[in-house]
Amino acid sequence: MKCKEGDVVSEGDLLLVIESMKMESEINAHQSGTIQSILVKEGDNVQTGDNLVIIG
């Protein structure tokens, strides 16, 4: 995890790195704000469209 709850982020900041099929993809913040909740933990399986982080 690159971020934690309570962190203040700006649009475009790196939040998470996801590994898929031996490739890593960076997940960036789509808006500025404070990370309210991280909905996944390291090792969780995720799919396209899953909510990963709540920024308020």
C-alpha atoms as a PDB file:
ATOM      1  CA  MET A   1       0.000   0.000   0.000  1.00  0.00           C
ATOM      2  CA  LYS A   2       1.218   3.452  -0.827  1.00  0.00           C
ATOM      3  CA  CYS A   3      -1.384   5.335   1.208  1.00  0.00           C
ATOM      4  CA  LYS A   4      -3.095   5.070   4.558  1.00  0.00           C
ATOM      5  CA  GLU A   5      -6.322   6.335   6.078  1.00  0.00           C
ATOM      6  CA  GLY A   6      -6.081   9.994   7.052  1.00  0.00           C
ATOM      7  CA  ASP A   7      -3.540  10.875   4.345  1.00  0.00           C
ATOM      8  CA  VAL A   8      -4.276  14.035   2.391  1.00  0.00           C
ATOM      9  CA  VAL A   9      -3.929  13.432  -1.356  1.00  0.00           C
ATOM     10  CA  SER A  10      -4.066  15.573  -4.462  1.00  0.00           C
ATOM     11  CA  GLU A  11      -5.595  14.571  -7.773  1.00  0.00           C
ATOM     12  CA  GLY A  12      -3.105  12.304  -9.560  1.00  0.00           C
ATOM     13  CA  ASP A  13      -1.222  11.164  -6.429  1.00  0.00           C
ATOM     14  CA  LEU A  14      -0.259   7.484  -6.298  1.00  0.00           C
ATOM     15  CA  LEU A  15      -2.594   5.524  -4.001  1.00  0.00           C
ATOM     16  CA  LEU A  16      -2.036   1.828  -4.711  1.00  0.00           C
ATOM     17  CA  VAL A  17      -0.075  -0.531  -6.921  1.00  0.00           C
ATOM     18  CA  ILE A  18      -1.948  -3.567  -8.235  1.00  0.00           C
ATOM     19  CA  GLU A  19      -0.215  -6.621  -9.682  1.00  0.00           C
ATOM     20  CA  SER A  20      -1.985  -8.471 -12.465  1.00  0.00           C
ATOM     21  CA  MET A  21      -0.473 -11.156 -14.667  1.00  0.00           C
ATOM     22  CA  LYS A  22       3.065 -10.230 -13.485  1.00  0.00           C
ATOM     23  CA  MET A  23       2.503  -6.564 -14.428  1.00  0.00           C
ATOM     24  CA  GLU A  24       2.104  -3.717 -11.947  1.00  0.00           C
ATOM     25  CA  SER A  25      -0.493  -0.976 -12.440  1.00  0.00           C
ATOM     26  CA  GLU A  26      -0.503   2.266 -10.492  1.00  0.00           C
ATOM     27  CA  ILE A  27      -3.831   3.530  -9.148  1.00  0.00           C
ATOM     28  CA  ASN A  28      -3.901   7.314  -8.812  1.00  0.00           C
ATOM     29  CA  ALA A  29      -6.321   9.590  -6.959  1.00  0.00           C
ATOM     30  CA  HIS A  30      -9.116  10.886  -9.199  1.00  0.00           C
ATOM     31  CA  GLN A  31      -9.777  13.797  -6.834  1.00  0.00           C
ATOM     32  CA  SER A  32      -8.098  15.718  -4.018  1.00  0.00           C
ATOM     33  CA  GLY A  33      -9.111  15.129  -0.416  1.00  0.00           C
ATOM     34  CA  THR A  34      -8.464  12.983   2.651  1.00  0.00           C
ATOM     35  CA  ILE A  35      -8.455   9.189   2.493  1.00  0.00           C
ATOM     36  CA  GLN A  36     -11.495   8.199   4.546  1.00  0.00           C
ATOM     37  CA  SER A  37     -11.273   4.437   4.092  1.00  0.00           C
ATOM     38  CA  ILE A  38      -9.210   1.816   2.277  1.00  0.00           C
ATOM     39  CA  LEU A  39     -11.576  -0.950   1.223  1.00  0.00           C
ATOM     40  CA  VAL A  40      -8.956  -3.562   0.275  1.00  0.00           C
ATOM     41  CA  LYS A  41      -5.874  -4.966   1.950  1.00  0.00           C
ATOM     42  CA  GLU A  42      -2.662  -6.345   0.538  1.00  0.00           C
ATOM     43  CA  GLY A  43      -3.276  -9.711  -1.118  1.00  0.00           C
ATOM     44  CA  ASP A  44      -6.990  -9.163  -1.820  1.00  0.00           C
ATOM     45  CA  ASN A  45      -8.289 -10.084  -5.252  1.00  0.00           C
ATOM     46  CA  VAL A  46      -9.918  -7.152  -7.051  1.00  0.00           C
ATOM     47  CA  GLN A  47     -11.771  -6.782 -10.320  1.00  0.00           C
ATOM     48  CA  THR A  48     -12.385  -3.936 -12.720  1.00  0.00           C
ATOM     49  CA  GLY A  49     -14.958  -1.605 -11.212  1.00  0.00           C
ATOM     50  CA  ASP A  50     -14.296  -2.528  -7.578  1.00  0.00           C
ATOM     51  CA  ASN A  51     -14.141   0.392  -5.140  1.00  0.00           C
ATOM     52  CA  LEU A  52     -10.687   0.441  -3.541  1.00  0.00           C
ATOM     53  CA  VAL A  53     -10.429   3.719  -1.632  1.00  0.00           C
ATOM     54  CA  ILE A  54     -12.902   6.341  -0.388  1.00  0.00           C
ATOM     55  CA  ILE A  55     -11.630   9.932  -0.622  1.00  0.00           C
ATOM     56  CA  GLY A  56     -13.666  12.646   1.047  1.00  0.00           C
END
